[in-house]
Amino acid sequence: MVSPIEQALAPVGRVVNPLLGALSLDRASNQASARQLMAEVLGTFGLVLFCAGSAHVNWWSGGQLGALGVGLVNGFGVAVMIFAFWAISGAHLNPAVSLGLWLTGKLPGRKLAPYVGAQLVGALIASSVMHGLFRNHTGEGESWLGANFSEGPLIQAFGTEIVITFFLVYAILMMAERGRSATVFAVAVGLYVAAAVTLAGSVSGASMNPARAFGPAAIAWFWDDHWVYWVAPGLGALFASIFFAVLRDRSRSDGG
């Protein structure tokens, strides 16, 4: 039985499918890629809404959520997004995760840039929604929308982001290698994110995710030390990939 949504989208398919045929593209493959990218957009939207949104709400409420509250919101939000979109795109939701998966051969090179682009789009949309929902709560004009920044020495934030991203990406690589289920992924990553944000949120903002940092920074136009939240997670993903390559069980990966 064709659903009402599928009936509504049928005219779009009649226009798009001949174009794909004229370009000699694999329609099934392109439809799958489109679904994956849309999942990354939606999943990153939810991640940024919960992660950056909780930081912003904690700020304008005078700290009512507290460090643990912000950490738990981050953890639960990430876990739900992973569980919801795992089966479609793998629920990367983070350029650092996509980078680590590409470096270890688990993501084709042709998908890296589209995945990262989709994640940035989702982050921008979520931050735009937060701009509309939260900007007048403080009565102080425009807000920072939970953008990441360092309140202490920059080197501390830089080092912290490397370390916490390293363990995040390393854990994801190991779970992907062992074929863990969506439930295990969601719970494990959610718990880790909750712990990392609770521990390191006051040091660096505990981003671990360039898309999570980029969206609020772009919409609030708050670029203080923004480079840290690209370079440090990238290095963390690189180091995680190196250690994964050294420590992986090759007999398992080779199917032995």
Protein backbone atom coordinates (compact mmCIF):
# COMPACT_ATOMS: atom_id res chain seq x y z
CA MET A 1 0.00 0.00 0.00
CA VAL A 2 1.37 3.40 -1.03
CA SER A 3 1.39 5.94 1.78
CA PRO A 4 0.02 9.50 1.35
CA ILE A 5 3.57 10.88 1.65
CA GLU A 6 4.84 8.57 -1.12
CA GLN A 7 1.90 9.64 -3.32
CA ALA A 8 2.76 13.29 -2.71
CA LEU A 9 6.42 12.71 -3.61
CA ALA A 10 5.66 10.72 -6.75
CA PRO A 11 5.68 13.79 -9.07
CA VAL A 12 9.17 14.68 -7.81
CA GLY A 13 10.37 11.17 -8.64
CA ARG A 14 8.94 11.44 -12.17
CA VAL A 15 11.06 14.55 -12.72
CA VAL A 16 14.26 13.38 -11.00
CA ASN A 17 14.46 9.80 -12.27
CA PRO A 18 14.77 10.69 -15.99
CA LEU A 19 17.53 13.17 -15.11
CA LEU A 20 19.43 10.47 -13.26
CA GLY A 21 19.00 8.17 -16.24
CA ALA A 22 20.32 10.84 -18.61
CA LEU A 23 23.36 11.23 -16.42
CA SER A 24 23.88 7.43 -16.41
CA LEU A 25 23.70 7.37 -12.62
CA ASP A 26 22.61 4.42 -10.52
CA ARG A 27 19.22 5.51 -9.25
CA ALA A 28 19.16 3.05 -6.35
CA SER A 29 22.64 4.12 -5.27
CA ASN A 30 21.76 7.81 -5.43
CA GLN A 31 18.56 7.28 -3.49
CA ALA A 32 20.52 5.44 -0.79
CA SER A 33 23.11 8.23 -0.63
CA ALA A 34 20.38 10.86 -0.39
CA ARG A 35 18.79 8.97 2.51
CA GLN A 36 22.15 8.75 4.28
CA LEU A 37 22.84 12.45 3.89
CA MET A 38 19.36 13.39 5.04
CA ALA A 39 19.85 11.18 8.10
CA GLU A 40 23.12 12.98 8.85
CA VAL A 41 21.39 16.36 8.52
CA LEU A 42 18.54 15.38 10.84
CA GLY A 43 20.73 13.55 13.33
CA THR A 44 23.22 16.41 13.60
CA PHE A 45 20.30 18.82 13.91
CA GLY A 46 19.10 16.92 16.97
CA LEU A 47 22.59 16.58 18.41
CA VAL A 48 23.30 20.32 18.18
CA LEU A 49 19.86 21.22 19.47
CA PHE A 50 20.40 19.15 22.61
CA CYS A 51 24.13 19.76 23.12
CA ALA A 52 24.42 23.45 22.33
CA GLY A 53 20.88 24.11 23.51
CA SER A 54 21.55 22.69 26.96
CA ALA A 55 24.65 24.87 27.31
CA HIS A 56 22.69 27.94 26.32
CA VAL A 57 19.72 27.16 28.59
CA ASN A 58 22.08 26.53 31.50
CA TRP A 59 23.62 29.95 30.86
CA TRP A 60 20.45 32.00 30.71
CA SER A 61 18.87 30.11 33.61
CA GLY A 62 21.76 31.03 35.89
CA GLY A 63 23.20 27.51 36.01
CA GLN A 64 20.05 25.63 37.00
CA LEU A 65 21.00 22.59 34.93
CA GLY A 66 24.51 22.46 36.36
CA ALA A 67 27.45 20.55 34.92
CA LEU A 68 25.82 17.15 35.50
CA GLY A 69 22.52 18.27 34.01
CA VAL A 70 24.18 19.59 30.87
CA GLY A 71 26.20 16.38 30.60
CA LEU A 72 23.11 14.20 30.90
CA VAL A 73 21.19 16.21 28.30
CA ASN A 74 24.15 15.85 25.93
CA GLY A 75 24.42 12.13 26.57
CA PHE A 76 20.72 11.35 26.20
CA GLY A 77 20.42 13.56 23.11
CA VAL A 78 23.36 11.89 21.38
CA ALA A 79 22.11 8.40 22.30
CA VAL A 80 18.65 9.05 20.87
CA MET A 81 20.05 10.47 17.62
CA ILE A 82 22.37 7.49 17.17
CA PHE A 83 19.57 5.02 17.82
CA ALA A 84 17.25 6.84 15.42
CA PHE A 85 19.63 7.14 12.45
CA TRP A 86 22.14 4.33 12.91
CA ALA A 87 20.50 1.98 10.43
CA ILE A 88 20.39 4.63 7.69
CA SER A 89 23.75 6.41 7.72
CA GLY A 90 25.71 4.93 10.60
CA ALA A 91 24.87 8.07 12.60
CA HIS A 92 28.27 9.74 12.40
CA LEU A 93 26.82 13.19 13.25
CA ASN A 94 30.37 14.48 13.69
CA PRO A 95 33.11 15.35 11.15
CA ALA A 96 35.73 13.94 13.53
CA VAL A 97 33.95 10.57 13.57
CA SER A 98 33.62 10.57 9.78
CA LEU A 99 37.32 11.43 9.50
CA GLY A 100 38.30 8.55 11.79
CA LEU A 101 36.13 6.10 9.87
CA TRP A 102 37.63 7.26 6.57
CA LEU A 103 41.21 7.04 7.87
CA THR A 104 40.61 3.44 8.95
CA GLY A 105 38.92 2.39 5.70
CA LYS A 106 35.41 2.16 7.11
CA LEU A 107 34.02 5.08 5.08
CA PRO A 108 34.64 5.43 1.31
CA GLY A 109 36.58 8.57 0.41
CA ARG A 110 33.84 9.75 -1.94
CA LYS A 111 31.44 9.95 1.02
CA LEU A 112 33.62 11.93 3.41
CA ALA A 113 32.95 15.43 2.05
CA PRO A 114 29.17 14.88 1.55
CA TYR A 115 28.85 13.49 5.08
CA VAL A 116 30.72 16.44 6.60
CA GLY A 117 28.70 18.88 4.49
CA ALA A 118 25.44 17.31 5.65
CA GLN A 119 26.57 17.52 9.27
CA LEU A 120 27.40 21.21 8.92
CA VAL A 121 24.03 21.89 7.31
CA GLY A 122 22.23 20.14 10.17
CA ALA A 123 24.24 22.16 12.70
CA LEU A 124 23.37 25.44 10.94
CA ILE A 125 19.66 24.60 10.83
CA ALA A 126 19.60 23.63 14.52
CA SER A 127 21.43 26.82 15.50
CA SER A 128 19.00 28.90 13.42
CA VAL A 129 16.10 27.26 15.25
CA MET A 130 17.77 28.00 18.60
CA HIS A 131 18.28 31.60 17.48
CA GLY A 132 14.54 31.91 16.99
CA LEU A 133 13.58 30.07 20.18
CA PHE A 134 16.11 31.35 22.70
CA ARG A 135 17.42 34.76 21.67
CA ASN A 136 14.94 36.82 23.72
CA HIS A 137 15.10 34.82 26.95
CA THR A 138 17.89 36.88 28.47
CA GLY A 139 16.64 40.31 27.53
CA GLU A 140 20.20 41.13 26.57
CA GLY A 141 19.96 41.06 22.77
CA GLU A 142 21.65 38.38 20.73
CA SER A 143 23.05 35.35 22.53
CA TRP A 144 25.97 33.01 21.93
CA LEU A 145 23.67 29.99 21.40
CA GLY A 146 25.91 27.61 23.33
CA ALA A 147 28.95 28.19 21.09
CA ASN A 148 32.13 26.58 22.40
CA PHE A 149 34.86 28.74 23.91
CA SER A 150 37.59 28.49 26.51
CA GLU A 151 37.42 30.41 29.78
CA GLY A 152 40.97 29.43 30.76
CA PRO A 153 44.30 29.06 28.98
CA LEU A 154 43.80 28.15 25.34
CA ILE A 155 46.33 25.32 25.53
CA GLN A 156 44.18 23.59 28.15
CA ALA A 157 41.11 23.71 25.90
CA PHE A 158 43.17 22.51 22.95
CA GLY A 159 44.64 19.56 24.85
CA THR A 160 41.31 18.67 26.43
CA GLU A 161 39.54 18.54 23.06
CA ILE A 162 42.24 16.27 21.66
CA VAL A 163 42.01 13.83 24.56
CA ILE A 164 38.24 13.57 24.84
CA THR A 165 37.82 13.31 21.06
CA PHE A 166 40.50 10.64 20.93
CA PHE A 167 38.60 8.34 23.28
CA LEU A 168 35.27 9.06 21.61
CA VAL A 169 36.53 8.17 18.13
CA TYR A 170 38.62 5.22 19.34
CA ALA A 171 35.59 3.70 21.10
CA ILE A 172 33.45 4.15 17.99
CA LEU A 173 36.08 2.55 15.77
CA MET A 174 36.41 -0.45 18.06
CA MET A 175 32.65 -0.94 18.31
CA ALA A 176 32.30 -0.65 14.52
CA GLU A 177 35.08 -3.23 14.11
CA ARG A 178 33.28 -5.68 16.38
CA GLY A 179 29.90 -5.12 14.76
CA ARG A 180 28.09 -3.87 17.83
CA SER A 181 24.36 -3.20 17.59
CA ALA A 182 22.71 0.22 17.40
CA THR A 183 21.60 -0.13 21.01
CA VAL A 184 25.14 -0.79 22.24
CA PHE A 185 26.49 2.09 20.17
CA ALA A 186 23.82 4.51 21.39
CA VAL A 187 24.20 3.63 25.07
CA ALA A 188 27.99 3.49 25.05
CA VAL A 189 28.52 6.72 23.12
CA GLY A 190 25.77 8.50 25.06
CA LEU A 191 27.32 7.54 28.39
CA TYR A 192 30.77 8.60 27.24
CA VAL A 193 29.53 11.96 25.96
CA ALA A 194 27.68 12.58 29.23
CA ALA A 195 30.83 11.82 31.22
CA ALA A 196 33.10 13.90 28.97
CA VAL A 197 30.82 16.94 28.98
CA THR A 198 30.37 16.78 32.76
CA LEU A 199 34.12 16.52 33.27
CA ALA A 200 35.46 18.88 30.61
CA GLY A 201 32.59 21.24 29.84
CA SER A 202 33.97 24.00 32.04
CA VAL A 203 37.44 23.68 30.48
CA SER A 204 36.74 23.67 26.73
CA GLY A 205 33.00 23.29 26.29
CA ALA A 206 33.62 19.59 25.53
CA SER A 207 32.69 19.87 21.87
CA MET A 208 34.48 16.82 20.38
CA ASN A 209 32.60 17.77 17.22
CA PRO A 210 33.44 20.52 14.70
CA ALA A 211 29.84 20.64 13.47
CA ARG A 212 28.52 21.19 17.01
CA ALA A 213 30.99 24.09 17.36
CA PHE A 214 30.41 25.51 13.88
CA GLY A 215 26.62 25.89 13.87
CA PRO A 216 26.24 28.11 16.96
CA ALA A 217 29.40 30.07 16.09
CA ALA A 218 28.12 30.87 12.59
CA ILE A 219 24.61 31.89 13.61
CA ALA A 220 25.68 33.85 16.73
CA TRP A 221 28.78 35.13 14.87
CA PHE A 222 30.93 34.12 17.82
CA TRP A 223 34.29 32.99 16.45
CA ASP A 224 36.53 33.29 19.52
CA ASP A 225 39.22 30.57 19.27
CA HIS A 226 36.99 28.68 16.85
CA TRP A 227 39.92 27.02 15.11
CA VAL A 228 40.54 24.98 18.27
CA TYR A 229 37.27 23.12 17.74
CA TRP A 230 38.34 21.98 14.27
CA VAL A 231 42.03 21.29 14.72
CA ALA A 232 41.90 19.57 18.12
CA PRO A 233 39.07 17.12 17.29
CA GLY A 234 40.78 16.42 13.96
CA LEU A 235 44.00 15.55 15.76
CA GLY A 236 42.08 13.45 18.27
CA ALA A 237 40.49 11.50 15.41
CA LEU A 238 43.88 11.07 13.73
CA PHE A 239 45.53 9.74 16.90
CA ALA A 240 42.56 7.44 17.54
CA SER A 241 42.88 6.04 14.02
CA ILE A 242 46.58 5.39 14.51
CA PHE A 243 46.09 3.57 17.81
CA PHE A 244 43.15 1.64 16.36
CA ALA A 245 45.33 0.46 13.46
CA VAL A 246 48.02 -0.67 15.91
CA LEU A 247 45.75 -2.36 18.44
CA ARG A 248 43.00 -3.85 16.25
CA ASP A 249 42.47 -7.61 16.17
CA ARG A 250 43.46 -8.35 12.58
CA SER A 251 42.34 -11.98 12.74
CA ARG A 252 38.83 -10.77 13.54
CA SER A 253 38.85 -8.08 10.86
CA ASP A 254 40.14 -10.57 8.27
CA GLY A 255 37.32 -12.93 9.13
CA GLY A 256 39.63 -15.54 10.67
